[in-house]
Amino acid sequence: MEPVDELRTWWKLKRDVQERGHSPERVIEQLKQREKDSLKYIKSQGEFADIKVSFFNLNPLDLENLENEPAIGLQVVMPNE
């Protein structure tokens, strides 16, 4: 699964603020702190995937308004070998 970074951030903000009670500032800071690990351990796995499922927002996201669900597009890619 490869959501675009903006959508991934929105999803994590929504979950951590609404379900876990964290402040938006804390969530953003944690995402920044873990970015290197994300690149190294998560995003790097894409090159080995048989199928890539990508999600992207169809309209600009408002990271301060977590109530309005974004319109999301889906792309499925089967890389050629």
N, C-alpha and C. Protein backbone atom coordinates (compact mmCIF):
# COMPACT_ATOMS: atom_id res chain seq x y z
N MET A 1 0.84 -1.17 0.00
CA MET A 1 0.00 0.00 0.00
C MET A 1 0.89 1.24 0.00
N GLU A 2 0.64 2.13 -0.92
CA GLU A 2 1.45 3.34 -1.03
C GLU A 2 0.57 4.59 -1.13
N PRO A 3 0.05 5.07 -0.02
CA PRO A 3 -0.69 6.34 -0.10
C PRO A 3 0.28 7.50 -0.32
N VAL A 4 -0.16 8.53 -1.00
CA VAL A 4 0.68 9.72 -1.13
C VAL A 4 0.90 10.28 0.27
N ASP A 5 2.01 10.97 0.46
CA ASP A 5 2.38 11.42 1.81
C ASP A 5 1.32 12.31 2.46
N GLU A 6 0.70 13.20 1.69
CA GLU A 6 -0.31 14.09 2.26
C GLU A 6 -1.50 13.30 2.81
N LEU A 7 -1.94 12.29 2.08
CA LEU A 7 -3.07 11.46 2.52
C LEU A 7 -2.66 10.59 3.71
N ARG A 8 -1.48 10.04 3.66
CA ARG A 8 -0.96 9.24 4.78
C ARG A 8 -0.92 10.07 6.06
N THR A 9 -0.46 11.31 5.94
CA THR A 9 -0.42 12.21 7.10
C THR A 9 -1.83 12.49 7.61
N TRP A 10 -2.77 12.75 6.69
CA TRP A 10 -4.16 13.02 7.10
C TRP A 10 -4.75 11.83 7.84
N TRP A 11 -4.54 10.61 7.29
CA TRP A 11 -5.06 9.39 7.94
C TRP A 11 -4.49 9.25 9.35
N LYS A 12 -3.18 9.42 9.49
CA LYS A 12 -2.55 9.27 10.81
C LYS A 12 -3.02 10.35 11.78
N LEU A 13 -3.15 11.59 11.29
CA LEU A 13 -3.67 12.66 12.13
C LEU A 13 -5.07 12.33 12.64
N LYS A 14 -5.93 11.93 11.73
CA LYS A 14 -7.32 11.61 12.10
C LYS A 14 -7.36 10.51 13.17
N ARG A 15 -6.62 9.43 12.95
CA ARG A 15 -6.61 8.32 13.90
C ARG A 15 -6.03 8.74 15.24
N ASP A 16 -4.85 9.35 15.22
CA ASP A 16 -4.16 9.64 16.47
C ASP A 16 -4.83 10.76 17.27
N VAL A 17 -5.44 11.72 16.61
CA VAL A 17 -6.12 12.80 17.31
C VAL A 17 -7.48 12.32 17.83
N GLN A 18 -8.28 11.71 16.96
CA GLN A 18 -9.64 11.36 17.34
C GLN A 18 -9.73 10.08 18.16
N GLU A 19 -8.91 9.08 17.86
CA GLU A 19 -9.03 7.80 18.56
C GLU A 19 -8.06 7.66 19.73
N ARG A 20 -6.90 8.30 19.62
CA ARG A 20 -5.88 8.12 20.64
C ARG A 20 -5.68 9.34 21.52
N GLY A 21 -6.34 10.46 21.19
CA GLY A 21 -6.31 11.64 22.03
C GLY A 21 -5.02 12.47 21.97
N HIS A 22 -4.20 12.27 20.94
CA HIS A 22 -2.96 13.04 20.80
C HIS A 22 -3.26 14.41 20.19
N SER A 23 -2.40 15.36 20.44
CA SER A 23 -2.54 16.67 19.81
C SER A 23 -2.02 16.59 18.37
N PRO A 24 -2.57 17.40 17.48
CA PRO A 24 -2.08 17.40 16.09
C PRO A 24 -0.58 17.71 16.03
N GLU A 25 -0.11 18.61 16.87
CA GLU A 25 1.30 18.96 16.87
C GLU A 25 2.18 17.77 17.23
N ARG A 26 1.73 16.99 18.20
CA ARG A 26 2.50 15.80 18.60
C ARG A 26 2.55 14.78 17.48
N VAL A 27 1.44 14.59 16.79
CA VAL A 27 1.40 13.62 15.69
C VAL A 27 2.35 14.04 14.58
N ILE A 28 2.31 15.31 14.20
CA ILE A 28 3.19 15.81 13.14
C ILE A 28 4.65 15.65 13.55
N GLU A 29 4.97 15.98 14.78
CA GLU A 29 6.35 15.85 15.26
C GLU A 29 6.81 14.39 15.22
N GLN A 30 5.95 13.47 15.63
CA GLN A 30 6.31 12.05 15.60
C GLN A 30 6.51 11.57 14.17
N LEU A 31 5.69 12.03 13.25
CA LEU A 31 5.86 11.64 11.85
C LEU A 31 7.20 12.13 11.32
N LYS A 32 7.57 13.35 11.67
CA LYS A 32 8.86 13.90 11.24
C LYS A 32 10.02 13.09 11.83
N GLN A 33 9.90 12.71 13.10
CA GLN A 33 10.95 11.95 13.77
C GLN A 33 11.13 10.56 13.16
N ARG A 34 10.05 9.98 12.65
CA ARG A 34 10.10 8.61 12.12
C ARG A 34 10.29 8.55 10.61
N GLU A 35 10.46 9.70 9.94
CA GLU A 35 10.54 9.72 8.49
C GLU A 35 11.70 8.88 7.95
N LYS A 36 12.87 8.96 8.57
CA LYS A 36 14.01 8.17 8.10
C LYS A 36 13.72 6.67 8.19
N ASP A 37 13.11 6.25 9.30
CA ASP A 37 12.76 4.83 9.44
C ASP A 37 11.71 4.43 8.42
N SER A 38 10.76 5.31 8.15
CA SER A 38 9.73 5.03 7.15
C SER A 38 10.36 4.81 5.78
N LEU A 39 11.28 5.68 5.41
CA LEU A 39 11.96 5.54 4.12
C LEU A 39 12.77 4.25 4.07
N LYS A 40 13.46 3.95 5.13
CA LYS A 40 14.35 2.79 5.15
C LYS A 40 13.60 1.46 5.21
N TYR A 41 12.56 1.37 6.03
CA TYR A 41 11.94 0.08 6.30
C TYR A 41 10.59 -0.13 5.63
N ILE A 42 9.87 0.93 5.31
CA ILE A 42 8.53 0.76 4.76
C ILE A 42 8.49 1.10 3.28
N LYS A 43 8.86 2.32 2.94
CA LYS A 43 8.76 2.75 1.55
C LYS A 43 9.73 2.00 0.64
N SER A 44 10.84 1.54 1.19
CA SER A 44 11.82 0.82 0.38
C SER A 44 11.32 -0.55 -0.07
N GLN A 45 10.28 -1.08 0.55
CA GLN A 45 9.75 -2.39 0.19
C GLN A 45 9.01 -2.37 -1.14
N GLY A 46 8.64 -1.18 -1.61
CA GLY A 46 7.89 -1.09 -2.86
C GLY A 46 8.59 -1.71 -4.04
N GLU A 47 9.90 -1.65 -4.08
CA GLU A 47 10.62 -2.20 -5.22
C GLU A 47 10.51 -3.73 -5.31
N PHE A 48 10.11 -4.38 -4.24
CA PHE A 48 9.98 -5.84 -4.22
C PHE A 48 8.54 -6.32 -4.37
N ALA A 49 7.60 -5.39 -4.46
CA ALA A 49 6.18 -5.74 -4.48
C ALA A 49 5.76 -6.31 -5.83
N ASP A 50 4.90 -7.32 -5.79
CA ASP A 50 4.30 -7.86 -7.01
C ASP A 50 3.15 -6.97 -7.48
N ILE A 51 2.47 -6.37 -6.52
CA ILE A 51 1.36 -5.46 -6.81
C ILE A 51 1.50 -4.24 -5.91
N LYS A 52 1.31 -3.06 -6.48
CA LYS A 52 1.33 -1.82 -5.69
C LYS A 52 -0.06 -1.20 -5.73
N VAL A 53 -0.59 -0.91 -4.56
CA VAL A 53 -1.89 -0.26 -4.43
C VAL A 53 -1.62 1.14 -3.89
N SER A 54 -1.93 2.13 -4.69
CA SER A 54 -1.68 3.52 -4.31
C SER A 54 -3.00 4.24 -4.09
N PHE A 55 -3.03 5.05 -3.05
CA PHE A 55 -4.18 5.90 -2.76
C PHE A 55 -3.74 7.34 -2.88
N PHE A 56 -4.61 8.18 -3.40
CA PHE A 56 -4.28 9.59 -3.53
C PHE A 56 -5.54 10.41 -3.34
N ASN A 57 -5.36 11.62 -2.83
CA ASN A 57 -6.50 12.51 -2.62
C ASN A 57 -6.83 13.20 -3.94
N LEU A 58 -8.12 13.33 -4.23
CA LEU A 58 -8.57 13.95 -5.46
C LEU A 58 -8.64 15.47 -5.35
N ASN A 59 -8.71 15.96 -4.13
CA ASN A 59 -8.79 17.40 -3.86
C ASN A 59 -7.78 17.74 -2.78
N PRO A 60 -7.41 19.01 -2.66
CA PRO A 60 -6.49 19.40 -1.59
C PRO A 60 -7.06 19.02 -0.21
N LEU A 61 -6.19 18.58 0.67
CA LEU A 61 -6.61 18.19 2.02
C LEU A 61 -6.41 19.34 2.99
N ASP A 62 -7.30 19.42 3.95
CA ASP A 62 -7.19 20.40 5.03
C ASP A 62 -6.77 19.63 6.28
N LEU A 63 -5.48 19.69 6.62
CA LEU A 63 -4.98 18.94 7.76
C LEU A 63 -5.50 19.45 9.09
N GLU A 64 -6.16 20.60 9.09
CA GLU A 64 -6.74 21.14 10.32
C GLU A 64 -8.21 20.77 10.47
N ASN A 65 -8.81 20.22 9.43
CA ASN A 65 -10.21 19.79 9.49
C ASN A 65 -10.26 18.29 9.24
N LEU A 66 -10.35 17.53 10.31
CA LEU A 66 -10.33 16.07 10.19
C LEU A 66 -11.73 15.47 10.10
N GLU A 67 -12.74 16.32 10.10
CA GLU A 67 -14.12 15.84 10.05
C GLU A 67 -14.57 15.48 8.64
N ASN A 68 -14.11 16.22 7.65
CA ASN A 68 -14.53 15.98 6.27
C ASN A 68 -13.66 14.91 5.63
N GLU A 69 -14.27 13.78 5.31
CA GLU A 69 -13.54 12.69 4.66
C GLU A 69 -13.14 13.12 3.26
N PRO A 70 -11.89 12.90 2.88
CA PRO A 70 -11.46 13.31 1.55
C PRO A 70 -11.94 12.35 0.46
N ALA A 71 -12.07 12.89 -0.74
CA ALA A 71 -12.33 12.04 -1.90
C ALA A 71 -11.00 11.39 -2.26
N ILE A 72 -11.02 10.08 -2.44
CA ILE A 72 -9.79 9.32 -2.63
C ILE A 72 -9.82 8.57 -3.95
N GLY A 73 -8.70 8.59 -4.65
CA GLY A 73 -8.51 7.80 -5.86
C GLY A 73 -7.67 6.58 -5.54
N LEU A 74 -7.79 5.57 -6.39
CA LEU A 74 -7.07 4.32 -6.20
C LEU A 74 -6.37 3.96 -7.49
N GLN A 75 -5.12 3.51 -7.38
CA GLN A 75 -4.37 3.05 -8.53
C GLN A 75 -3.73 1.72 -8.16
N VAL A 76 -3.91 0.71 -9.02
CA VAL A 76 -3.30 -0.59 -8.80
C VAL A 76 -2.30 -0.81 -9.94
N VAL A 77 -1.06 -1.13 -9.56
CA VAL A 77 0.00 -1.31 -10.54
C VAL A 77 0.63 -2.67 -10.34
N MET A 78 0.81 -3.39 -11.42
CA MET A 78 1.55 -4.65 -11.40
C MET A 78 2.83 -4.39 -12.20
N PRO A 79 3.94 -4.13 -11.49
CA PRO A 79 5.19 -3.81 -12.18
C PRO A 79 5.62 -4.93 -13.12
N ASN A 80 6.14 -4.54 -14.25
CA ASN A 80 6.68 -5.52 -15.20
C ASN A 80 8.01 -6.02 -14.70
N GLU A 81 8.26 -7.27 -14.97
CA GLU A 81 9.57 -7.82 -14.55
C GLU A 81 10.49 -7.89 -15.72
